[in-house]
Amino acid sequence: MKRRAIIGLSLAIGVCACATQMTPIAGPANMAWAFNQNPDEGAKLAFGAPASDNVVLMMTCAPGSSRIALSAMTTEKAPSGVTLASGADKAEFSGAPTVGFDGAVSLIEASAPATAAPLKGFRRTGDLALIDGRRKVKIAAGAKDKPAVDRFFKACASV
């Protein structure tokens, strides 16, 4: 009887583990990574729709700083930070939500060290995912986006 209980409990835990695992979804096809640098504002790297304010994730680095500011869209009602993953590396960076005109949280801003594992992985491989609650959205940099990523991290390293 004890053996059956242990086997049943093990199976139940296994089923729960599978049910709570996040399945990554692809970012919108019409979005890309774009780099911009302004001497007064520093370097910016954004994943969004070209030539618009529709941005999913923006990274900025100010001149003289070893940190990267993160601004991410969110669907969470009470987000506590921005969570990024690259390969097996995952980290949450504490942040403050911004309340939109309708009273809902739509953006969260956080700060991360430039040496954070997911950022280093993104720089090296182009692989990146934004985790928003139970959603994991892949926002990887493809071959045409990789030069923008490289320019951003080089600009951040030189400040």
Protein backbone atom coordinates (compact mmCIF):
# COMPACT_ATOMS: atom_id res chain seq x y z
CA MET A 1 0.00 0.00 0.00
CA LYS A 2 2.80 2.38 0.91
CA ARG A 3 4.47 1.62 -2.40
CA ARG A 4 1.29 2.45 -4.34
CA ALA A 5 0.97 5.76 -2.53
CA ILE A 6 4.56 6.69 -3.38
CA ILE A 7 4.09 5.72 -7.03
CA GLY A 8 0.80 7.65 -7.20
CA LEU A 9 2.36 10.72 -5.61
CA SER A 10 5.31 10.53 -8.00
CA LEU A 11 2.98 10.38 -11.00
CA ALA A 12 0.91 13.30 -9.71
CA ILE A 13 4.02 15.42 -9.21
CA GLY A 14 5.20 14.53 -12.72
CA VAL A 15 1.86 15.53 -14.24
CA CYS A 16 1.86 18.84 -12.33
CA ALA A 17 5.43 19.56 -13.42
CA CYS A 18 4.49 19.04 -17.05
CA ALA A 19 1.39 21.20 -16.71
CA THR A 20 3.30 24.13 -15.22
CA GLN A 21 6.15 24.11 -17.74
CA MET A 22 6.20 27.13 -20.07
CA THR A 23 6.11 26.53 -23.77
CA PRO A 24 7.96 29.31 -25.59
CA ILE A 25 5.97 31.19 -28.19
CA ALA A 26 7.56 33.05 -31.08
CA GLY A 27 7.61 36.82 -31.05
CA PRO A 28 5.58 38.61 -33.71
CA ALA A 29 7.02 38.08 -37.20
CA ASN A 30 6.79 41.78 -38.11
CA MET A 31 9.15 42.79 -35.29
CA ALA A 32 12.93 43.13 -35.30
CA TRP A 33 15.85 44.41 -33.24
CA ALA A 34 16.95 47.99 -33.92
CA PHE A 35 19.96 49.90 -32.58
CA ASN A 36 20.18 53.64 -32.04
CA GLN A 37 22.86 55.73 -30.38
CA ASN A 38 22.59 59.33 -29.25
CA PRO A 39 25.52 61.06 -27.48
CA ASP A 40 23.17 62.61 -24.89
CA GLU A 41 21.10 59.48 -24.20
CA GLY A 42 23.50 56.60 -24.82
CA ALA A 43 22.87 53.42 -26.76
CA LYS A 44 19.44 51.85 -27.27
CA LEU A 45 18.46 48.41 -28.53
CA ALA A 46 14.76 47.74 -29.04
CA PHE A 47 12.70 44.77 -30.18
CA GLY A 48 9.56 46.03 -31.84
CA ALA A 49 7.76 47.01 -35.01
CA PRO A 50 10.05 49.07 -37.27
CA ALA A 51 9.49 52.85 -37.29
CA SER A 52 6.88 52.74 -34.51
CA ASP A 53 6.45 53.03 -30.75
CA ASN A 54 5.25 49.42 -30.59
CA VAL A 55 8.19 48.04 -28.58
CA VAL A 56 8.18 44.78 -26.61
CA LEU A 57 11.60 45.22 -24.96
CA MET A 58 14.03 48.12 -24.92
CA MET A 59 17.54 48.08 -23.50
CA THR A 60 19.51 51.26 -22.89
CA CYS A 61 22.88 52.03 -21.42
CA ALA A 62 23.80 55.52 -20.28
CA PRO A 63 27.28 56.90 -20.79
CA GLY A 64 29.53 55.86 -17.92
CA SER A 65 27.25 53.15 -16.54
CA SER A 66 27.91 49.40 -16.22
CA ARG A 67 24.17 48.72 -16.01
CA ILE A 68 21.56 48.21 -18.69
CA ALA A 69 18.10 49.70 -18.24
CA LEU A 70 15.28 47.40 -19.33
CA SER A 71 11.76 48.47 -20.32
CA ALA A 72 9.38 45.64 -21.14
CA MET A 73 5.72 45.38 -22.03
CA THR A 74 3.77 43.27 -19.58
CA THR A 75 0.33 41.71 -19.26
CA GLU A 76 0.78 40.96 -15.56
CA LYS A 77 -1.43 42.88 -13.11
CA ALA A 78 1.29 43.17 -10.47
CA PRO A 79 4.68 42.52 -12.11
CA SER A 80 7.73 42.51 -9.86
CA GLY A 81 10.40 42.72 -12.51
CA VAL A 82 11.65 41.88 -15.97
CA THR A 83 12.61 38.23 -16.50
CA LEU A 84 14.94 37.32 -19.35
CA ALA A 85 16.26 33.95 -20.46
CA SER A 86 18.97 32.94 -22.90
CA GLY A 87 19.60 29.23 -23.25
CA ALA A 88 19.68 27.74 -19.76
CA ASP A 89 20.39 31.15 -18.15
CA LYS A 90 17.41 32.92 -16.62
CA ALA A 91 17.24 35.95 -14.33
CA GLU A 92 14.61 38.30 -12.96
CA PHE A 93 15.56 41.93 -12.52
CA SER A 94 13.45 43.79 -9.94
CA GLY A 95 11.60 46.71 -11.33
CA ALA A 96 8.81 49.21 -11.05
CA PRO A 97 5.59 49.03 -13.06
CA THR A 98 4.30 52.01 -15.02
CA VAL A 99 0.56 52.58 -14.98
CA GLY A 100 -1.01 53.47 -18.33
CA PHE A 101 -3.80 55.92 -19.13
CA ASP A 102 -6.44 53.26 -18.47
CA GLY A 103 -5.05 52.52 -15.00
CA ALA A 104 -3.58 49.18 -16.05
CA VAL A 105 0.07 48.25 -15.81
CA SER A 106 1.50 48.02 -19.31
CA LEU A 107 5.23 48.53 -18.84
CA ILE A 108 7.82 47.51 -16.30
CA GLU A 109 11.22 49.13 -15.95
CA ALA A 110 14.22 47.44 -14.35
CA SER A 111 17.99 47.59 -14.31
CA ALA A 112 20.44 44.76 -14.92
CA PRO A 113 24.21 44.48 -14.74
CA ALA A 114 25.71 44.33 -18.22
CA THR A 115 27.39 41.09 -17.09
CA ALA A 116 24.07 39.31 -16.28
CA ALA A 117 24.08 35.77 -17.67
CA PRO A 118 21.01 36.14 -19.96
CA LEU A 119 22.46 39.34 -21.46
CA LYS A 120 25.84 37.70 -22.03
CA GLY A 121 24.10 34.73 -23.66
CA PHE A 122 22.03 37.05 -25.86
CA ARG A 123 25.16 38.91 -26.95
CA ARG A 124 26.97 35.67 -27.74
CA THR A 125 24.19 33.68 -29.44
CA GLY A 126 21.32 36.04 -30.21
CA ASP A 127 18.98 33.79 -28.20
CA LEU A 128 16.64 35.69 -25.87
CA ALA A 129 13.21 35.20 -24.36
CA LEU A 130 11.07 37.59 -22.32
CA ILE A 131 9.09 35.83 -19.60
CA ASP A 132 5.86 37.58 -18.69
CA GLY A 133 4.00 35.68 -16.01
CA ARG A 134 3.25 32.28 -17.53
CA ARG A 135 4.23 33.32 -21.07
CA LYS A 136 7.70 32.94 -22.51
CA VAL A 137 8.06 34.95 -25.71
CA LYS A 138 11.09 34.24 -27.89
CA ILE A 139 12.57 37.48 -29.17
CA ALA A 140 15.83 36.13 -30.55
CA ALA A 141 18.05 38.14 -32.83
CA GLY A 142 18.29 36.51 -36.25
CA ALA A 143 21.17 36.89 -38.67
CA LYS A 144 19.97 40.28 -39.92
CA ASP A 145 19.45 41.56 -36.33
CA LYS A 146 22.75 40.30 -34.88
CA PRO A 147 24.83 43.34 -36.06
CA ALA A 148 22.49 45.66 -34.11
CA VAL A 149 22.96 43.53 -30.98
CA ASP A 150 26.73 43.55 -31.40
CA ARG A 151 26.81 47.35 -31.87
CA PHE A 152 24.70 47.86 -28.76
CA PHE A 153 26.91 45.78 -26.49
CA LYS A 154 30.09 47.31 -27.93
CA ALA A 155 28.66 50.78 -27.31
CA CYS A 156 27.74 49.82 -23.73
CA ALA A 157 31.21 48.41 -23.08
CA SER A 158 32.85 51.61 -24.29
CA VAL A 159 30.92 53.91 -21.96
